[in-house]
Protein backbone atom coordinates (compact mmCIF):
# COMPACT_ATOMS: atom_id res chain seq x y z
CA MET A 1 0.00 0.00 0.00
CA PRO A 2 1.58 3.30 -1.04
CA SER A 3 2.46 5.69 1.77
CA CYS A 4 0.81 9.08 2.10
CA SER A 5 2.88 12.03 0.88
CA PRO A 6 3.75 14.94 3.24
CA ASP A 7 1.55 17.30 1.19
CA CYS A 8 -1.38 14.92 1.56
CA CYS A 9 -0.87 14.79 5.34
CA LEU A 10 -0.82 18.57 5.49
CA PHE A 11 -4.01 18.85 3.46
CA GLN A 12 -5.79 16.33 5.68
CA ALA A 13 -4.70 18.23 8.78
CA VAL A 14 -6.02 21.48 7.38
CA GLU A 15 -9.26 19.74 6.42
CA ARG A 16 -9.66 18.72 10.06
CA ALA A 17 -8.98 22.32 11.07
CA VAL A 18 -11.73 23.55 8.78
CA GLU A 19 -14.21 21.01 10.19
CA ASP A 20 -14.23 22.66 13.62
CA PHE A 21 -17.12 22.32 16.00
CA GLU A 22 -19.00 24.68 18.24
CA CYS A 23 -18.69 24.65 22.00
CA GLY A 24 -20.15 26.59 24.96
CA ALA A 25 -19.59 30.36 25.07
CA ASP A 26 -18.41 32.34 28.07
CA GLY A 27 -16.08 34.95 26.55
CA SER A 28 -16.44 38.32 24.89
CA SER A 29 -13.65 38.22 22.29
CA PHE A 30 -11.80 35.82 20.02
CA GLU A 31 -9.81 33.65 22.43
CA LEU A 32 -7.37 30.87 21.50
CA CYS A 33 -6.44 28.52 24.33
CA TYR A 34 -3.93 25.73 23.79
CA SER A 35 -4.46 22.11 24.80
CA ALA A 36 -2.70 18.90 23.83
CA LEU A 37 -4.46 16.42 21.59
CA SER A 38 -3.96 13.52 23.98
CA SER A 39 -2.49 12.82 27.37
CA THR A 40 -0.12 10.28 25.81
CA SER A 41 1.85 13.04 24.10
CA PRO A 42 5.55 12.99 25.08
CA LEU A 43 5.16 16.68 25.91
CA ALA A 44 2.37 16.11 28.44
CA GLY A 45 3.21 16.80 32.05
CA GLY A 46 6.11 19.11 31.32
CA PRO A 47 6.92 22.51 29.80
CA LEU A 48 6.34 22.84 26.08
CA LEU A 49 9.60 23.26 24.19
CA PHE A 50 9.08 24.04 20.53
CA PRO A 51 12.18 22.24 19.16
CA ALA A 52 10.71 19.00 20.50
CA LEU A 53 7.55 19.35 18.39
CA GLU A 54 7.23 16.92 15.54
CA ALA A 55 7.15 18.25 11.97
CA HIS A 56 3.46 17.71 11.26
CA SER A 57 1.94 17.38 14.75
CA SER A 58 -1.31 19.23 15.39
CA ARG A 59 -2.72 21.12 18.34
CA THR A 60 -6.24 21.88 19.49
CA VAL A 61 -7.12 25.56 19.69
CA LYS A 62 -10.15 26.90 21.51
CA VAL A 63 -11.64 29.99 19.89
CA TRP A 64 -14.05 32.55 21.31
CA SER A 65 -15.66 35.22 19.13
CA GLU A 66 -16.81 38.70 20.08
CA ASP A 67 -20.46 37.67 19.97
CA GLY A 68 -19.86 34.96 22.58
CA ALA A 69 -19.94 31.95 20.23
CA GLY A 70 -17.27 29.33 20.80
CA LYS A 71 -15.48 26.95 18.48
CA VAL A 72 -12.56 24.55 18.59
CA LEU A 73 -9.99 24.38 15.80
CA GLU A 74 -7.18 21.98 15.13
CA ILE A 75 -4.03 23.68 13.82
CA LEU A 76 -0.64 22.45 12.66
CA ALA A 77 2.32 23.05 14.95
CA GLU A 78 4.19 24.90 12.19
CA MET A 79 1.39 27.34 11.42
CA THR A 80 2.29 31.01 11.79
CA ALA A 81 0.06 33.75 13.13
CA ARG A 82 -0.71 34.76 9.55
CA ASP A 83 -1.80 31.20 8.72
CA VAL A 84 -4.15 31.06 11.69
CA CYS A 85 -5.58 34.47 10.76
CA GLN A 86 -6.25 33.23 7.22
CA LEU A 87 -8.03 30.17 8.60
CA LEU A 88 -10.21 32.30 10.89
CA VAL A 89 -10.94 34.74 8.09
CA TYR A 90 -11.98 31.86 5.85
CA LYS A 91 -14.25 30.35 8.47
CA SER A 92 -15.80 33.72 9.36
CA HIS A 93 -16.28 34.76 5.70
CA CYS A 94 -14.37 38.00 6.31
CA LEU A 95 -12.42 40.11 3.84
CA ASP A 96 -8.74 39.16 3.93
CA ASP A 97 -7.08 42.59 3.70
CA ASN A 98 -3.87 41.80 5.66
CA CYS A 99 -5.19 43.75 8.68
CA TRP A 100 -6.32 40.79 10.77
CA THR A 101 -4.02 39.90 13.63
CA LEU A 102 -3.63 37.68 16.66
CA VAL A 103 -3.24 39.59 19.89
CA GLU A 104 -1.41 38.06 22.85
CA HIS A 105 -3.48 39.22 25.81
CA TYR A 106 -3.20 38.94 29.59
CA PRO A 107 -6.51 40.02 31.18
CA LEU A 108 -5.29 40.19 34.78
CA LEU A 109 -2.25 42.30 33.93
CA GLY A 110 -3.96 44.33 31.22
CA LEU A 111 -1.18 43.59 28.68
CA GLU A 112 -1.56 42.95 24.97
CA ARG A 113 0.57 42.91 21.83
CA CYS A 114 0.05 42.00 18.19
CA VAL A 115 1.74 38.70 17.41
CA GLU A 116 3.89 39.20 14.31
CA ASP A 117 2.67 37.37 11.21
CA HIS A 118 5.79 35.22 10.95
CA GLU A 119 5.74 34.02 14.57
CA LEU A 120 4.71 30.43 15.24
CA VAL A 121 1.47 30.30 17.23
CA VAL A 122 2.39 27.18 19.21
CA GLN A 123 5.76 28.65 20.14
CA VAL A 124 4.15 31.86 21.40
CA GLN A 125 1.54 29.82 23.27
CA ALA A 126 4.30 27.85 25.01
CA SER A 127 5.45 30.95 26.89
CA MET A 128 1.99 32.22 27.79
CA GLY A 129 0.65 29.78 30.36
CA SER A 130 -2.99 29.39 31.33
CA GLU A 131 -3.43 33.06 32.24
CA GLY A 132 -2.78 34.26 28.66
CA LYS A 133 -5.00 34.14 25.62
CA PHE A 134 -5.02 35.07 21.93
CA LEU A 135 -7.54 37.60 20.65
CA PHE A 136 -8.53 37.86 16.99
CA ARG A 137 -9.24 41.35 15.71
CA LYS A 138 -8.29 43.90 13.08
CA ASN A 139 -5.33 46.24 13.47
CA PHE A 140 -5.04 48.76 10.63
CA ALA A 141 -1.84 50.24 12.10
CA LYS A 142 0.07 46.95 11.98
CA TYR A 143 2.13 48.03 8.95
CA GLU A 144 1.08 51.66 8.65
CA PHE A 145 4.63 52.83 9.49
CA PHE A 146 5.79 51.49 6.11
CA ARG A 147 3.34 53.85 4.39
CA ASN A 148 3.77 56.93 6.58
CA PRO A 149 7.03 56.56 8.56
CA LEU A 150 7.28 60.23 9.52
CA ASN A 151 4.00 59.95 11.45
CA PHE A 152 5.55 57.24 13.62
CA PHE A 153 9.06 58.58 14.12
CA PRO A 154 9.24 62.27 15.15
CA GLU A 155 12.57 63.81 14.24
CA GLN A 156 13.23 64.90 17.82
CA MET A 157 13.20 61.23 18.94
CA VAL A 158 15.52 59.81 16.24
CA ALA A 159 19.16 60.66 16.98
CA TRP A 160 20.62 60.68 13.47
CA CYS A 161 17.61 62.66 12.15
CA GLN A 162 18.70 65.49 14.44
CA GLU A 163 22.27 65.26 13.19
CA SER A 164 21.17 65.40 9.52
CA ASN A 165 18.83 68.38 10.08
CA GLY A 166 15.91 66.56 8.43
CA SER A 167 17.79 65.68 5.23
CA ILE A 168 17.12 61.92 5.49
CA PRO A 169 14.17 60.85 3.27
CA PRO A 170 11.47 58.58 4.73
CA SER A 171 12.64 55.62 2.63
CA GLN A 172 16.13 55.87 4.12
CA LEU A 173 14.62 56.14 7.59
CA LEU A 174 12.94 52.74 7.28
CA GLN A 175 15.89 51.17 5.47
CA ASN A 176 18.13 52.01 8.42
CA PHE A 177 15.70 50.24 10.75
CA VAL A 178 15.45 46.99 8.78
CA ASN A 179 19.11 46.93 7.74
CA SER A 180 21.15 44.91 10.22
CA SER A 181 24.34 46.90 9.47
CA SER A 182 22.85 50.23 10.61
CA CYS A 183 21.89 51.19 14.12
CA PRO A 184 19.27 53.92 14.47
CA GLU A 185 18.66 55.22 17.95
CA ILE A 186 15.44 56.35 19.59
CA GLN A 187 15.81 58.64 22.58
CA GLY A 188 13.57 60.55 24.93
CA TYR A 189 12.04 60.75 28.38
CA LEU A 190 10.12 57.82 29.82
CA TYR A 191 8.65 57.08 33.23
CA MET A 192 9.77 53.76 34.73
CA LYS A 193 7.91 52.07 37.57
CA GLU A 194 10.21 51.25 40.45
CA THR A 195 10.37 47.57 41.39
CA GLY A 196 8.07 46.62 44.24
CA ARG A 197 6.61 50.13 44.55
CA ARG A 198 3.75 52.12 43.02
CA SER A 199 5.93 55.16 42.35
CA TRP A 200 7.38 56.11 38.95
CA LYS A 201 10.74 57.66 38.10
CA LYS A 202 11.38 59.87 35.06
CA LEU A 203 14.49 58.83 33.09
CA TYR A 204 16.09 59.66 29.76
CA MET A 205 16.30 56.47 27.71
CA PHE A 206 17.93 55.20 24.53
CA LEU A 207 16.69 52.38 22.31
CA ARG A 208 19.38 50.71 20.23
CA ARG A 209 19.65 47.42 18.41
CA SER A 210 21.50 45.97 21.40
CA GLY A 211 18.77 46.91 23.88
CA LEU A 212 17.00 49.61 25.88
CA TYR A 213 19.23 51.78 28.07
CA TYR A 214 18.71 54.58 30.57
CA SER A 215 21.09 57.23 31.84
CA THR A 216 22.14 57.15 35.48
CA LYS A 217 23.47 60.72 35.50
CA GLY A 218 22.26 64.18 34.65
CA THR A 219 18.85 65.86 34.66
CA SER A 220 18.71 67.72 31.35
CA LYS A 221 18.70 66.33 27.83
CA VAL A 222 21.95 68.13 26.93
CA ALA A 223 23.70 66.80 30.00
CA MET A 224 22.68 63.24 29.25
CA LEU A 225 23.73 63.47 25.60
CA LEU A 226 27.16 64.66 26.73
CA LEU A 227 27.39 61.77 29.16
CA VAL A 228 26.57 59.30 26.38
CA VAL A 229 29.33 60.68 24.18
CA VAL A 230 32.00 61.15 26.82
CA GLU A 231 31.15 58.55 29.44
CA PRO A 232 29.10 55.67 28.04
CA ARG A 233 29.60 53.85 31.36
CA HIS A 234 26.71 55.94 32.68
CA LEU A 235 24.30 54.03 30.43
CA GLN A 236 22.53 51.17 32.21
CA LEU A 237 20.99 48.29 30.24
CA LEU A 238 17.32 47.88 31.11
CA ALA A 239 16.21 45.18 28.66
CA ASP A 240 17.59 43.13 25.77
CA LEU A 241 15.51 43.23 22.57
CA GLU A 242 15.97 39.56 21.70
CA GLU A 243 14.75 38.35 25.08
CA ASN A 244 11.69 40.61 25.45
CA ASN A 245 8.46 41.56 23.71
CA VAL A 246 6.78 44.94 23.92
CA PHE A 247 3.16 45.17 25.14
CA THR A 248 0.75 48.05 25.47
CA VAL A 249 -1.08 48.38 28.79
CA VAL A 250 -4.85 48.73 29.06
CA ALA A 251 -6.24 51.00 31.81
CA ALA A 252 -2.73 51.98 32.88
CA ARG A 253 -3.61 54.72 35.37
CA LYS A 254 -6.17 52.65 37.23
CA ALA A 255 -4.24 49.37 37.32
CA HIS A 256 -0.68 50.60 37.83
CA ASN A 257 -1.05 54.17 39.12
CA ALA A 258 0.73 55.38 35.96
CA PRO A 259 1.42 59.12 35.50
CA THR A 260 -0.24 59.10 32.03
CA ASP A 261 -2.51 56.84 29.96
CA TYR A 262 0.28 55.96 27.51
CA GLN A 263 1.91 53.00 29.21
CA PHE A 264 3.73 50.05 27.68
CA SER A 265 5.63 47.13 29.12
CA LEU A 266 8.55 44.84 28.31
CA LYS A 267 7.89 41.19 29.10
CA PRO A 268 10.44 38.36 28.76
CA SER A 269 9.43 36.16 25.85
CA LYS A 270 10.47 32.90 27.55
CA ALA A 271 9.16 33.58 31.07
CA ARG A 272 5.70 33.32 32.56
CA SER A 273 3.73 36.50 33.13
CA GLU A 274 4.91 37.30 36.64
CA CYS A 275 4.72 40.94 37.69
CA LYS A 276 8.31 40.96 38.94
CA GLU A 277 9.56 40.07 35.43
CA LEU A 278 7.82 43.03 33.78
CA LYS A 279 9.41 46.39 32.99
CA MET A 280 6.64 48.99 33.23
CA LEU A 281 7.24 52.17 31.20
CA CYS A 282 5.11 55.22 30.47
CA ALA A 283 5.38 57.88 27.71
CA GLU A 284 4.22 61.48 27.73
CA ASP A 285 1.74 61.11 24.82
CA GLU A 286 0.38 58.63 22.28
CA GLN A 287 2.83 59.61 19.53
CA SER A 288 5.82 58.98 21.81
CA ARG A 289 4.47 55.60 22.92
CA THR A 290 3.81 54.59 19.30
CA CYS A 291 7.35 55.61 18.34
CA TRP A 292 8.93 53.52 21.12
CA THR A 293 6.81 50.41 20.50
CA THR A 294 7.15 50.57 16.69
CA ALA A 295 10.93 51.06 16.87
CA PHE A 296 11.15 48.11 19.26
CA ARG A 297 9.32 45.88 16.75
CA LEU A 298 11.50 47.02 13.84
CA LEU A 299 14.81 46.65 15.69
CA LYS A 300 13.79 43.21 17.00
CA HIS A 301 12.33 41.67 13.83
CA GLY A 302 14.01 43.75 11.10
CA ILE A 303 13.44 42.66 7.51
CA SER A 304 10.89 40.03 8.57
CA LEU A 305 8.31 42.78 9.16
CA TYR A 306 8.89 44.11 5.66
CA HIS A 307 8.36 40.65 4.19
CA ASN A 308 5.15 40.33 6.22
CA TYR A 309 3.96 43.66 4.84
CA LYS A 310 4.83 43.07 1.16
CA GLY A 311 4.03 39.45 0.48
CA PRO A 312 1.26 37.90 2.60
CA GLN A 313 -0.24 36.06 -0.38
CA SER A 314 3.04 34.92 -1.91
CA ARG A 315 4.24 33.10 1.18
CA LYS A 316 4.73 29.37 0.57
CA SER A 317 2.75 27.72 3.33
CA PRO A 318 0.34 24.76 3.30
CA LEU A 319 -2.57 26.88 4.46
CA SER A 320 -1.90 29.51 1.80
CA HIS A 321 -2.20 26.85 -0.91
CA PHE A 322 -5.33 25.45 0.70
CA SER A 323 -6.98 28.87 1.04
CA ALA A 324 -6.11 29.79 -2.52
CA SER A 325 -7.69 26.64 -3.92
CA MET A 326 -10.83 26.69 -1.79
CA HIS A 327 -11.40 30.42 -1.39
CA PRO A 328 -9.55 32.88 -3.70
CA PRO A 329 -7.93 35.70 -1.67
CA GLN A 330 -9.96 38.87 -1.65
CA ARG A 331 -8.36 42.25 -2.00
CA SER A 332 -9.63 45.38 -0.33
CA VAL A 333 -10.44 48.22 -2.69
CA SER A 334 -7.75 50.86 -2.73
CA GLU A 335 -8.95 54.29 -1.73
CA ASN A 336 -7.22 55.71 -4.80
CA SER A 337 -9.54 53.69 -7.05
CA LEU A 338 -12.69 55.25 -5.56
CA VAL A 339 -13.85 58.30 -7.53
CA ALA A 340 -17.01 60.36 -7.74
CA MET A 341 -18.96 59.70 -10.96
CA ASP A 342 -21.67 61.57 -12.83
CA PHE A 343 -24.17 59.37 -14.70
CA SER A 344 -26.67 62.08 -15.57
CA GLY A 345 -25.80 61.93 -19.28
CA ARG A 346 -25.62 59.04 -21.71
CA THR A 347 -22.11 58.17 -20.59
CA GLY A 348 -20.55 58.46 -17.14
CA ARG A 349 -17.68 60.79 -16.34
CA VAL A 350 -15.30 61.22 -13.41
CA ILE A 351 -15.90 64.26 -11.19
CA ASN A 352 -12.51 65.67 -10.18
CA ASN A 353 -13.75 68.85 -8.52
CA PRO A 354 -14.74 68.21 -4.86
CA ALA A 355 -17.24 71.08 -4.93
CA GLU A 356 -18.92 69.59 -8.01
CA ALA A 357 -18.94 66.17 -6.35
CA GLN A 358 -20.74 67.61 -3.33
CA SER A 359 -23.24 69.38 -5.60
CA ALA A 360 -23.85 66.13 -7.49
CA ALA A 361 -24.52 64.33 -4.21
CA MET A 362 -27.09 66.96 -3.24
CA GLU A 363 -28.77 66.69 -6.65
CA GLU A 364 -28.92 62.90 -6.27
CA GLY A 365 -30.56 63.32 -2.88
CA GLN A 366 -33.14 65.69 -4.38
CA SER A 367 -33.90 63.33 -7.26
CA TRP A 368 -34.24 60.42 -4.82
CA ARG A 369 -36.78 62.43 -2.83
CA LYS A 370 -38.78 63.32 -5.97
CA ARG A 371 -38.91 59.68 -7.06
CA SER A 372 -40.04 58.63 -3.59
CA GLN A 373 -42.74 61.31 -3.50
CA ARG A 374 -44.01 60.34 -6.96
CA LEU A 375 -44.26 56.70 -5.91
CA ASN A 376 -46.15 57.69 -2.76
CA VAL A 377 -48.65 59.71 -4.84
CA LEU A 378 -49.21 56.75 -7.13
CA GLY A 379 -49.81 54.62 -4.06
CA SER A 380 -47.21 52.01 -5.01
CA PRO A 381 -44.05 52.59 -3.00
CA GLY A 382 -41.43 49.93 -3.64
CA PRO A 383 -39.86 47.93 -0.82
CA LEU A 384 -36.62 49.87 -1.16
CA HIS A 385 -38.31 53.23 -0.73
CA THR A 386 -40.29 52.68 2.43
CA PRO A 387 -39.44 55.10 5.27
CA SER A 388 -39.13 52.23 7.74
CA LEU A 389 -36.38 50.56 5.70
CA SER A 390 -34.36 53.78 5.40
CA ALA A 391 -34.51 54.13 9.17
CA VAL A 392 -33.04 50.68 9.92
CA ILE A 393 -31.06 49.59 6.85
CA HIS A 394 -27.80 50.92 8.36
CA ARG A 395 -28.04 48.32 11.13
CA THR A 396 -26.94 45.65 8.66
CA GLN A 397 -23.61 47.39 8.03
CA LEU A 398 -20.35 46.32 9.66
CA TRP A 399 -19.49 49.89 10.64
CA PHE A 400 -22.66 50.36 12.71
CA HIS A 401 -22.40 49.33 16.37
CA GLY A 402 -25.75 50.32 17.85
CA ARG A 403 -26.06 51.55 21.41
CA ILE A 404 -22.45 51.55 22.53
CA VAL A 405 -21.27 54.38 24.76
CA ARG A 406 -18.63 56.96 23.87
CA GLU A 407 -15.91 55.23 25.90
CA GLU A 408 -16.56 51.88 24.21
CA ALA A 409 -16.32 53.50 20.76
CA GLN A 410 -13.00 55.09 21.67
CA ARG A 411 -11.71 51.77 23.00
CA MET A 412 -12.56 50.01 19.73
CA ILE A 413 -10.79 52.71 17.71
CA VAL A 414 -7.67 52.40 19.86
CA GLN A 415 -7.68 48.60 19.64
CA GLN A 416 -7.90 48.60 15.84
CA GLY A 417 -4.95 50.87 15.22
CA GLN A 418 -5.76 54.61 15.45
CA VAL A 419 -4.97 55.26 11.78
CA ASP A 420 -6.43 58.18 9.84
CA GLY A 421 -9.91 57.38 8.54
CA LEU A 422 -10.78 54.57 10.96
CA PHE A 423 -14.45 55.07 11.81
CA LEU A 424 -17.69 53.66 13.18
CA LEU A 425 -21.28 54.83 13.58
CA ARG A 426 -23.42 54.41 16.69
CA ASP A 427 -26.64 55.56 18.28
CA SER A 428 -26.50 58.90 20.06
CA GLN A 429 -26.78 58.71 23.84
CA SER A 430 -28.11 62.27 24.20
CA ASN A 431 -30.55 62.36 21.27
CA PRO A 432 -32.58 59.18 20.59
CA LYS A 433 -33.26 60.26 16.99
CA ALA A 434 -29.63 61.11 16.14
CA PHE A 435 -26.46 59.15 15.46
CA VAL A 436 -22.75 59.74 16.08
CA LEU A 437 -19.81 59.27 13.71
CA THR A 438 -16.64 58.33 15.63
CA LEU A 439 -13.54 59.05 13.52
CA CYS A 440 -9.79 58.78 14.10
CA HIS A 441 -7.46 61.50 12.79
CA HIS A 442 -3.82 62.07 13.79
CA GLN A 443 -4.13 59.40 16.51
CA LYS A 444 -7.01 61.30 18.14
CA THR A 445 -10.63 60.16 18.30
CA LYS A 446 -13.28 62.70 17.33
CA HIS A 447 -17.07 62.48 17.43
CA PHE A 448 -19.54 64.09 14.99
CA GLN A 449 -23.28 64.12 15.58
CA ILE A 450 -25.55 63.13 12.68
CA LEU A 451 -28.92 64.86 13.00
CA PRO A 452 -32.22 64.03 11.28
CA TYR A 453 -33.98 66.69 9.16
CA GLU A 454 -37.57 66.42 7.99
CA GLU A 455 -38.67 68.06 4.74
CA GLU A 456 -42.06 67.55 3.10
CA GLY A 457 -42.68 64.34 4.98
CA GLN A 458 -39.25 62.88 4.24
CA VAL A 459 -36.47 62.34 6.82
CA PHE A 460 -32.87 63.10 5.86
CA PHE A 461 -29.58 62.81 7.77
CA SER A 462 -26.77 65.36 7.89
CA LEU A 463 -23.63 66.04 9.93
CA ASP A 464 -23.05 69.59 8.59
CA ASP A 465 -26.21 71.31 9.89
CA GLY A 466 -28.29 70.36 6.87
CA ALA A 467 -25.94 71.63 4.14
CA THR A 468 -25.56 68.09 2.78
CA LYS A 469 -28.48 65.72 3.39
CA PHE A 470 -28.82 61.99 2.76
CA THR A 471 -31.80 59.67 2.73
CA ASP A 472 -30.03 57.09 4.92
CA LEU A 473 -26.74 56.53 6.70
CA ILE A 474 -25.39 54.22 3.99
CA HIS A 475 -25.51 57.07 1.46
CA LEU A 476 -23.86 59.34 4.03
CA VAL A 477 -20.98 56.93 4.58
CA ASP A 478 -20.58 56.33 0.83
CA PHE A 479 -20.33 60.08 0.24
CA TYR A 480 -17.72 60.73 2.95
CA GLU A 481 -15.64 57.79 1.78
CA LEU A 482 -15.16 59.76 -1.46
CA ASN A 483 -15.23 63.33 -0.13
CA ARG A 484 -13.81 64.78 3.05
CA GLY A 485 -16.41 67.54 3.31
CA VAL A 486 -16.50 69.01 6.82
CA LEU A 487 -14.54 66.06 8.27
CA PRO A 488 -10.78 66.24 8.95
CA CYS A 489 -10.22 63.27 6.61
CA ARG A 490 -12.18 60.84 4.45
CA LEU A 491 -13.70 57.68 5.88
CA LYS A 492 -11.30 54.85 4.98
CA HIS A 493 -11.42 51.90 7.38
CA PRO A 494 -14.65 50.68 8.99
CA CYS A 495 -14.18 49.56 12.57
CA THR A 496 -15.73 46.08 12.59
CA ALA A 497 -16.41 43.41 15.21
CA VAL A 498 -15.86 39.88 13.94
CA ALA A 499 -18.44 37.18 14.63
CA LEU A 500 -18.41 33.46 13.85
């Protein structure tokens, strides 16, 4: 009897992963919990060491979705975080736009980080213990620094940018980070929590490829820079990059008495999540924290992050072949390919003038109202023109989140990346007939109220005091995805909650 080929074994294992089954639900987000397939495994009863894993062994993964539904998957030991994300996207019928990520999360400590796409899930799980979990959500900022590096690395925090007086182009900035022969340096003030105490100490720190350092002398920035040049012995190593991972901290002020809300932590990658092993740090603002955490990722993983960003579909992995054959990869529509069109004549034309595009949208709204009124007079309104449908049709959209409070909307925006154009719509808490657009711009969350306007028996929605009115919220979102209007930026990325 002919033996089964390795490719056949892999396909059968992935088939078993696809044929997952539902289980009881008691969680509020996508949770992956590791368990061995059988108690007879040679790894049972001892710590999991990844080199001891067999080439094609499989592991059971428990998954919780945001709507509380539970499932169990069976994954291969060599599957990366990207592979598991593709499997979950396939099972959830989501759009695979390279923004989905696994998040290593510790509820009791309030720590979380995005697992890099090339990291092996089983290997990460081995260092987590029972108190850790994986969350599955979108993160639009995962590779945003490759598109807009200057937004992530302020010149005053990058040492050689100061020396060059801003003459280094953005492409060279990133090349120096991913190139192993260069050594960019991030510097600035950070608060560090003192071991065994609730107090914090302000220090001037330096992030290099060899690790994170702080100065033991001096109080001013100039004094510390002089100490670094003349007496490097005054630099104290705080953490090695290869042995630690960087986490953001949720509810930092409440849980750790932090001086600001912009806390992050360094946790040993091989140790359990004990508080004494953590290095708690706190930045002055969100931009500084993003700079430190992004630079840490780049200096630790280097060119691997660039490969993750450029070629998610070209990676040669068993799951990639399986997904491609069963479910062709979907691509998100580029914002540059979305244009305003005028179809009033025999042939359509592109509207390049924003003012004309806004005028065309208003004319379309007027014509829609006239058609609706004419149908009402004739006594035969179609199912798509009934007032009740216009009032509730937005509830079917992924960007609408119903009756969530302001703080919950802000939390979702922060969790999914805080990139320009990330948005969601929700019911207004102060006006039962109104809605609120929550939008992220320059790493700040802003809220815009959408008010209803009634004209001649028809209800319209507007967020600019009635200057631009729409028959429903779907038309409003479609318009502001193409035109900025009164908003600080166009709507680009809908903030969605995944459900199995």
